[in-house]
Amino acid sequence: MALALMLLTGCSSATEEALPAAAPSDSFPAAPSVTPVASAKDPLEESCRKLAGPESKAPLSQAIYFVRIQEGIYGFNAPPESARTVAMQIRSIAATAPEGLKVHLEEFILSLGTAISAAESPDAASGFDMFAWQSTIADIQATCGL
């Protein structure tokens, strides 16, 4: 019977047992090697770090310092040229910031622009809303956990 089986199938059970286990076939692609990839920094964390940076050089701190608010009256602590430089830095950060923070930064840039105009011309001062300014700063600080 074994001989009939061998003739029919072309192999015997004895030869199958004697053969070593076959290596995986080349017809299957090899599993991709897993190499650790450095994870990218969290975009929110990175943007907030750029905003808050070293305290004295932080664009957010410099912008906040530009407008002085005391007893419901505002004034300006720096020349408009300095505020423009800070506004450009914040625009650069906003360009790569995640959407939630980006919205707050765009509002802040608009408010900073109004503050710069108010510092340059008393006629433009009526366009500056110190409550919106404070609210936008609070939103940025809350988003960044500052």
N, C-alpha and C. Protein backbone atom coordinates (compact mmCIF):
# COMPACT_ATOMS: atom_id res chain seq x y z
N MET A 1 0.81 -1.17 0.00
CA MET A 1 0.00 0.00 0.00
C MET A 1 0.87 1.26 0.00
N ALA A 2 1.96 1.23 0.75
CA ALA A 2 2.85 2.37 0.78
C ALA A 2 3.45 2.62 -0.59
N LEU A 3 3.70 1.49 -1.31
CA LEU A 3 4.26 1.63 -2.65
C LEU A 3 3.24 2.28 -3.59
N ALA A 4 1.99 1.93 -3.47
CA ALA A 4 0.96 2.52 -4.30
C ALA A 4 0.81 4.01 -3.97
N LEU A 5 0.88 4.35 -2.71
CA LEU A 5 0.79 5.74 -2.28
C LEU A 5 1.96 6.54 -2.83
N MET A 6 3.15 5.93 -2.79
CA MET A 6 4.33 6.61 -3.28
C MET A 6 4.22 6.82 -4.79
N LEU A 7 3.75 5.86 -5.49
CA LEU A 7 3.62 6.01 -6.92
C LEU A 7 2.56 7.03 -7.28
N LEU A 8 1.52 7.06 -6.47
CA LEU A 8 0.43 7.99 -6.74
C LEU A 8 0.82 9.43 -6.42
N THR A 9 1.47 9.65 -5.30
CA THR A 9 1.81 11.00 -4.87
C THR A 9 3.22 11.40 -5.24
N GLY A 10 4.08 10.44 -5.48
CA GLY A 10 5.45 10.76 -5.85
C GLY A 10 6.36 10.93 -4.66
N CYS A 11 5.88 10.65 -3.47
CA CYS A 11 6.74 10.76 -2.30
C CYS A 11 6.28 9.75 -1.27
N SER A 12 7.10 9.52 -0.32
CA SER A 12 6.74 8.60 0.75
C SER A 12 6.75 9.31 2.07
N SER A 13 6.06 8.77 3.02
CA SER A 13 6.03 9.38 4.35
C SER A 13 7.39 9.30 5.00
N ALA A 14 8.19 8.32 4.67
CA ALA A 14 9.52 8.17 5.26
C ALA A 14 10.43 9.29 4.80
N THR A 15 10.37 9.68 3.54
CA THR A 15 11.26 10.73 3.06
C THR A 15 10.82 12.09 3.57
N GLU A 16 9.54 12.28 3.79
CA GLU A 16 9.07 13.56 4.32
C GLU A 16 9.56 13.77 5.73
N GLU A 17 9.56 12.69 6.52
CA GLU A 17 10.00 12.81 7.90
C GLU A 17 11.50 13.02 7.96
N ALA A 18 12.25 12.50 7.02
CA ALA A 18 13.69 12.60 7.04
C ALA A 18 14.19 13.98 6.60
N LEU A 19 13.39 14.69 5.83
CA LEU A 19 13.83 15.99 5.33
C LEU A 19 13.73 17.04 6.44
N PRO A 20 14.71 17.94 6.54
CA PRO A 20 14.61 19.01 7.53
C PRO A 20 13.50 19.98 7.13
N ALA A 21 13.03 20.71 8.11
CA ALA A 21 11.99 21.70 7.84
C ALA A 21 12.53 22.70 6.83
N ALA A 22 11.73 23.00 5.88
CA ALA A 22 12.16 23.90 4.81
C ALA A 22 12.24 25.33 5.34
N ALA A 23 13.18 26.05 4.82
CA ALA A 23 13.31 27.47 5.17
C ALA A 23 12.15 28.22 4.54
N PRO A 24 11.81 29.37 5.07
CA PRO A 24 10.72 30.13 4.48
C PRO A 24 11.00 30.39 3.00
N SER A 25 9.97 30.33 2.25
CA SER A 25 10.08 30.51 0.80
C SER A 25 10.47 31.93 0.44
N ASP A 26 11.23 32.06 -0.62
CA ASP A 26 11.61 33.37 -1.10
C ASP A 26 10.45 34.09 -1.77
N SER A 27 9.36 33.37 -1.99
CA SER A 27 8.23 34.01 -2.65
C SER A 27 7.50 34.98 -1.73
N PHE A 28 7.72 34.85 -0.43
CA PHE A 28 7.10 35.78 0.52
C PHE A 28 8.10 36.87 0.85
N PRO A 29 7.70 38.10 0.82
CA PRO A 29 8.65 39.17 1.14
C PRO A 29 9.04 39.10 2.61
N ALA A 30 10.27 39.45 2.86
CA ALA A 30 10.74 39.47 4.23
C ALA A 30 10.03 40.56 5.00
N ALA A 31 9.82 40.31 6.27
CA ALA A 31 9.19 41.33 7.11
C ALA A 31 10.11 42.53 7.18
N PRO A 32 9.56 43.73 7.10
CA PRO A 32 10.42 44.91 7.17
C PRO A 32 11.10 44.97 8.53
N SER A 33 12.35 45.38 8.49
CA SER A 33 13.06 45.49 9.76
C SER A 33 12.52 46.70 10.51
N VAL A 34 12.41 46.53 11.78
CA VAL A 34 11.87 47.61 12.61
C VAL A 34 13.04 48.32 13.25
N THR A 35 13.24 49.55 12.84
CA THR A 35 14.29 50.35 13.43
C THR A 35 13.65 51.51 14.15
N PRO A 36 14.12 51.81 15.33
CA PRO A 36 13.51 52.92 16.06
C PRO A 36 13.73 54.22 15.31
N VAL A 37 12.69 54.99 15.20
CA VAL A 37 12.76 56.29 14.55
C VAL A 37 12.54 57.34 15.61
N ALA A 38 13.37 58.34 15.60
CA ALA A 38 13.21 59.41 16.58
C ALA A 38 11.86 60.07 16.36
N SER A 39 11.07 60.12 17.39
CA SER A 39 9.73 60.72 17.23
C SER A 39 9.86 62.23 17.13
N ALA A 40 9.05 62.79 16.29
CA ALA A 40 9.05 64.24 16.12
C ALA A 40 8.47 64.87 17.37
N LYS A 41 8.94 66.04 17.68
CA LYS A 41 8.40 66.74 18.84
C LYS A 41 6.96 67.11 18.58
N ASP A 42 6.21 67.18 19.64
CA ASP A 42 4.82 67.58 19.55
C ASP A 42 4.79 69.00 19.00
N PRO A 43 4.03 69.24 17.92
CA PRO A 43 3.99 70.58 17.32
C PRO A 43 3.52 71.66 18.31
N LEU A 44 2.55 71.33 19.17
CA LEU A 44 2.09 72.31 20.16
C LEU A 44 3.20 72.61 21.15
N GLU A 45 3.83 71.57 21.64
CA GLU A 45 4.92 71.75 22.61
C GLU A 45 6.05 72.57 22.01
N GLU A 46 6.40 72.26 20.77
CA GLU A 46 7.48 72.97 20.09
C GLU A 46 7.12 74.44 19.88
N SER A 47 5.91 74.72 19.43
CA SER A 47 5.47 76.10 19.21
C SER A 47 5.45 76.88 20.52
N CYS A 48 4.96 76.26 21.56
CA CYS A 48 4.90 76.93 22.87
C CYS A 48 6.31 77.19 23.40
N ARG A 49 7.23 76.25 23.15
CA ARG A 49 8.61 76.45 23.60
C ARG A 49 9.22 77.65 22.88
N LYS A 50 8.92 77.79 21.60
CA LYS A 50 9.43 78.94 20.83
C LYS A 50 8.83 80.25 21.35
N LEU A 51 7.55 80.22 21.70
CA LEU A 51 6.89 81.42 22.21
C LEU A 51 7.42 81.82 23.58
N ALA A 52 7.58 80.84 24.45
CA ALA A 52 7.95 81.11 25.84
C ALA A 52 9.44 81.17 26.04
N GLY A 53 10.21 80.56 25.15
CA GLY A 53 11.67 80.59 25.16
C GLY A 53 12.32 81.05 26.45
N PRO A 54 13.56 81.45 26.39
CA PRO A 54 14.19 82.05 27.57
C PRO A 54 13.41 83.32 27.94
N GLU A 55 13.03 83.42 29.16
CA GLU A 55 12.07 84.44 29.61
C GLU A 55 12.33 85.84 29.07
N SER A 56 13.55 86.32 29.13
CA SER A 56 13.80 87.70 28.69
C SER A 56 13.77 87.85 27.17
N LYS A 57 14.00 86.77 26.46
CA LYS A 57 14.03 86.82 24.99
C LYS A 57 12.77 86.24 24.35
N ALA A 58 11.86 85.74 25.15
CA ALA A 58 10.67 85.09 24.63
C ALA A 58 9.80 86.08 23.87
N PRO A 59 9.41 85.74 22.64
CA PRO A 59 8.57 86.66 21.87
C PRO A 59 7.25 87.00 22.59
N LEU A 60 6.65 86.02 23.24
CA LEU A 60 5.40 86.28 23.94
C LEU A 60 5.62 87.27 25.08
N SER A 61 6.67 87.08 25.86
CA SER A 61 6.97 88.00 26.96
C SER A 61 7.26 89.40 26.45
N GLN A 62 8.01 89.49 25.36
CA GLN A 62 8.34 90.80 24.80
C GLN A 62 7.09 91.51 24.29
N ALA A 63 6.20 90.75 23.66
CA ALA A 63 4.96 91.36 23.16
C ALA A 63 4.08 91.82 24.32
N ILE A 64 3.99 90.99 25.35
CA ILE A 64 3.19 91.36 26.51
C ILE A 64 3.76 92.62 27.16
N TYR A 65 5.08 92.69 27.24
CA TYR A 65 5.74 93.85 27.84
C TYR A 65 5.47 95.12 27.04
N PHE A 66 5.30 94.99 25.75
CA PHE A 66 5.08 96.16 24.89
C PHE A 66 3.88 96.99 25.36
N VAL A 67 2.80 96.32 25.73
CA VAL A 67 1.59 97.03 26.18
C VAL A 67 1.55 97.00 27.70
N ARG A 68 1.48 98.16 28.28
CA ARG A 68 1.39 98.30 29.74
C ARG A 68 -0.07 98.66 30.08
N ILE A 69 -0.67 97.86 30.93
CA ILE A 69 -2.05 98.12 31.34
C ILE A 69 -2.08 98.25 32.87
N GLN A 70 -2.54 99.41 33.32
CA GLN A 70 -2.67 99.66 34.76
C GLN A 70 -3.94 100.44 35.01
N GLU A 71 -4.74 99.93 35.92
CA GLU A 71 -5.97 100.59 36.34
C GLU A 71 -6.86 100.97 35.15
N GLY A 72 -6.97 100.07 34.18
CA GLY A 72 -7.85 100.29 33.05
C GLY A 72 -7.33 101.26 32.00
N ILE A 73 -6.07 101.64 32.12
CA ILE A 73 -5.44 102.55 31.15
C ILE A 73 -4.23 101.82 30.56
N TYR A 74 -4.05 101.97 29.26
CA TYR A 74 -2.90 101.31 28.66
C TYR A 74 -1.92 102.33 28.11
N GLY A 75 -0.70 101.86 28.00
CA GLY A 75 0.39 102.64 27.43
C GLY A 75 1.37 101.67 26.79
N PHE A 76 2.51 102.18 26.36
CA PHE A 76 3.47 101.36 25.64
C PHE A 76 4.84 101.48 26.27
N ASN A 77 5.52 100.35 26.42
CA ASN A 77 6.82 100.29 27.08
C ASN A 77 8.00 100.25 26.12
N ALA A 78 7.74 100.14 24.85
CA ALA A 78 8.83 99.98 23.88
C ALA A 78 8.46 100.69 22.59
N PRO A 79 9.45 100.98 21.77
CA PRO A 79 9.16 101.63 20.49
C PRO A 79 8.44 100.66 19.55
N PRO A 80 7.63 101.17 18.65
CA PRO A 80 6.91 100.31 17.70
C PRO A 80 7.82 99.41 16.86
N GLU A 81 9.03 99.87 16.57
CA GLU A 81 9.96 99.04 15.77
C GLU A 81 10.27 97.73 16.49
N SER A 82 10.46 97.79 17.80
CA SER A 82 10.72 96.58 18.58
C SER A 82 9.52 95.65 18.55
N ALA A 83 8.34 96.22 18.66
CA ALA A 83 7.12 95.42 18.62
C ALA A 83 6.93 94.78 17.24
N ARG A 84 7.33 95.47 16.18
CA ARG A 84 7.23 94.90 14.83
C ARG A 84 8.13 93.67 14.69
N THR A 85 9.33 93.75 15.25
CA THR A 85 10.26 92.62 15.22
C THR A 85 9.66 91.42 15.94
N VAL A 86 9.07 91.68 17.09
CA VAL A 86 8.44 90.60 17.87
C VAL A 86 7.24 90.04 17.10
N ALA A 87 6.48 90.91 16.46
CA ALA A 87 5.32 90.46 15.67
C ALA A 87 5.77 89.54 14.54
N MET A 88 6.90 89.84 13.91
CA MET A 88 7.42 88.98 12.85
C MET A 88 7.82 87.62 13.42
N GLN A 89 8.42 87.60 14.60
CA GLN A 89 8.79 86.33 15.24
C GLN A 89 7.55 85.50 15.55
N ILE A 90 6.52 86.15 16.04
CA ILE A 90 5.28 85.43 16.36
C ILE A 90 4.60 84.93 15.09
N ARG A 91 4.64 85.71 14.02
CA ARG A 91 4.10 85.26 12.72
C ARG A 91 4.82 84.00 12.25
N SER A 92 6.12 83.98 12.42
CA SER A 92 6.92 82.82 12.03
C SER A 92 6.52 81.58 12.83
N ILE A 93 6.29 81.75 14.11
CA ILE A 93 5.87 80.64 14.96
C ILE A 93 4.47 80.19 14.57
N ALA A 94 3.59 81.14 14.29
CA ALA A 94 2.21 80.82 13.91
C ALA A 94 2.15 80.03 12.61
N ALA A 95 3.10 80.27 11.73
CA ALA A 95 3.10 79.58 10.43
C ALA A 95 3.21 78.07 10.57
N THR A 96 3.87 77.61 11.62
CA THR A 96 4.05 76.16 11.81
C THR A 96 3.29 75.63 13.02
N ALA A 97 2.55 76.48 13.69
CA ALA A 97 1.83 76.07 14.90
C ALA A 97 0.62 75.21 14.54
N PRO A 98 0.22 74.31 15.46
CA PRO A 98 -1.00 73.54 15.21
C PRO A 98 -2.22 74.46 15.22
N GLU A 99 -3.29 74.01 14.60
CA GLU A 99 -4.45 74.86 14.33
C GLU A 99 -4.98 75.60 15.56
N GLY A 100 -5.16 74.93 16.68
CA GLY A 100 -5.71 75.58 17.87
C GLY A 100 -4.89 76.77 18.33
N LEU A 101 -3.58 76.59 18.39
CA LEU A 101 -2.69 77.68 18.80
C LEU A 101 -2.58 78.72 17.70
N LYS A 102 -2.58 78.27 16.46
CA LYS A 102 -2.43 79.18 15.32
C LYS A 102 -3.53 80.24 15.33
N VAL A 103 -4.76 79.85 15.63
CA VAL A 103 -5.88 80.80 15.67
C VAL A 103 -5.61 81.87 16.72
N HIS A 104 -5.18 81.45 17.90
CA HIS A 104 -4.89 82.42 18.98
C HIS A 104 -3.74 83.35 18.58
N LEU A 105 -2.73 82.80 17.95
CA LEU A 105 -1.58 83.62 17.55
C LEU A 105 -1.96 84.62 16.47
N GLU A 106 -2.81 84.22 15.54
CA GLU A 106 -3.26 85.15 14.51
C GLU A 106 -4.07 86.30 15.12
N GLU A 107 -4.91 85.98 16.09
CA GLU A 107 -5.65 87.04 16.80
C GLU A 107 -4.69 87.96 17.53
N PHE A 108 -3.68 87.35 18.14
CA PHE A 108 -2.69 88.14 18.89
C PHE A 108 -1.89 89.05 17.96
N ILE A 109 -1.54 88.55 16.79
CA ILE A 109 -0.79 89.35 15.82
C ILE A 109 -1.63 90.55 15.38
N LEU A 110 -2.91 90.33 15.13
CA LEU A 110 -3.80 91.45 14.76
C LEU A 110 -3.87 92.48 15.89
N SER A 111 -4.03 91.98 17.11
CA SER A 111 -4.11 92.88 18.26
C SER A 111 -2.79 93.63 18.47
N LEU A 112 -1.69 92.93 18.26
CA LEU A 112 -0.38 93.58 18.38
C LEU A 112 -0.22 94.64 17.30
N GLY A 113 -0.70 94.37 16.10
CA GLY A 113 -0.65 95.37 15.02
C GLY A 113 -1.45 96.62 15.39
N THR A 114 -2.61 96.42 16.00
CA THR A 114 -3.42 97.55 16.44
C THR A 114 -2.70 98.33 17.54
N ALA A 115 -2.03 97.61 18.45
CA ALA A 115 -1.26 98.26 19.52
C ALA A 115 -0.11 99.07 18.93
N ILE A 116 0.56 98.53 17.93
CA ILE A 116 1.66 99.25 17.27
C ILE A 116 1.14 100.52 16.63
N SER A 117 0.00 100.42 15.94
CA SER A 117 -0.61 101.61 15.32
C SER A 117 -0.97 102.65 16.38
N ALA A 118 -1.51 102.18 17.50
CA ALA A 118 -1.89 103.09 18.59
C ALA A 118 -0.65 103.77 19.18
N ALA A 119 0.46 103.05 19.26
CA ALA A 119 1.69 103.63 19.79
C ALA A 119 2.25 104.68 18.85
N GLU A 120 2.03 104.51 17.56
CA GLU A 120 2.55 105.45 16.57
C GLU A 120 1.66 106.68 16.40
N SER A 121 0.37 106.51 16.60
CA SER A 121 -0.54 107.62 16.34
C SER A 121 -1.69 107.61 17.36
N PRO A 122 -1.87 108.72 18.06
CA PRO A 122 -2.97 108.80 19.01
C PRO A 122 -4.34 108.61 18.34
N ASP A 123 -4.44 108.94 17.05
CA ASP A 123 -5.70 108.77 16.34
C ASP A 123 -6.08 107.29 16.21
N ALA A 124 -5.09 106.42 16.14
CA ALA A 124 -5.35 104.99 15.99
C ALA A 124 -5.60 104.30 17.33
N ALA A 125 -5.39 105.03 18.42
CA ALA A 125 -5.53 104.44 19.75
C ALA A 125 -6.93 103.92 20.03
N SER A 126 -7.94 104.49 19.41
CA SER A 126 -9.31 104.05 19.67
C SER A 126 -9.57 102.65 19.13
N GLY A 127 -8.73 102.16 18.22
CA GLY A 127 -8.91 100.83 17.66
C GLY A 127 -8.36 99.72 18.53
N PHE A 128 -7.55 100.07 19.54
CA PHE A 128 -6.94 99.07 20.39
C PHE A 128 -7.91 98.67 21.51
N ASP A 129 -8.15 97.37 21.64
CA ASP A 129 -9.03 96.84 22.69
C ASP A 129 -8.19 96.08 23.71
N MET A 130 -7.93 96.74 24.84
CA MET A 130 -7.05 96.12 25.84
C MET A 130 -7.66 94.86 26.44
N PHE A 131 -8.99 94.75 26.45
CA PHE A 131 -9.62 93.55 27.00
C PHE A 131 -9.45 92.37 26.05
N ALA A 132 -9.55 92.63 24.75
CA ALA A 132 -9.30 91.58 23.76
C ALA A 132 -7.83 91.16 23.82
N TRP A 133 -6.95 92.13 24.01
CA TRP A 133 -5.51 91.87 24.15
C TRP A 133 -5.26 90.91 25.31
N GLN A 134 -5.81 91.24 26.47
CA GLN A 134 -5.62 90.41 27.65
C GLN A 134 -6.25 89.03 27.47
N SER A 135 -7.41 88.98 26.85
CA SER A 135 -8.09 87.71 26.63
C SER A 135 -7.29 86.80 25.69
N THR A 136 -6.75 87.37 24.64
CA THR A 136 -5.96 86.60 23.68
C THR A 136 -4.69 86.06 24.34
N ILE A 137 -4.05 86.87 25.15
CA ILE A 137 -2.87 86.43 25.88
C ILE A 137 -3.24 85.28 26.82
N ALA A 138 -4.34 85.42 27.52
CA ALA A 138 -4.81 84.36 28.43
C ALA A 138 -5.09 83.06 27.67
N ASP A 139 -5.66 83.17 26.46
CA ASP A 139 -5.95 81.99 25.64
C ASP A 139 -4.65 81.29 25.22
N ILE A 140 -3.66 82.07 24.82
CA ILE A 140 -2.38 81.50 24.41
C ILE A 140 -1.71 80.82 25.60
N GLN A 141 -1.71 81.49 26.74
CA GLN A 141 -1.09 80.92 27.93
C GLN A 141 -1.80 79.64 28.37
N ALA A 142 -3.12 79.62 28.28
CA ALA A 142 -3.87 78.41 28.65
C ALA A 142 -3.59 77.28 27.67
N THR A 143 -3.53 77.57 26.39
CA THR A 143 -3.25 76.55 25.38
C THR A 143 -1.88 75.95 25.57
N CYS A 144 -0.92 76.79 25.94
CA CYS A 144 0.47 76.33 26.12
C CYS A 144 0.75 75.85 27.55
N GLY A 145 -0.19 76.03 28.43
CA GLY A 145 0.04 75.62 29.82
C GLY A 145 1.07 76.49 30.52
N LEU A 146 1.07 77.77 30.21
CA LEU A 146 2.06 78.70 30.82
C LEU A 146 1.47 79.36 32.06
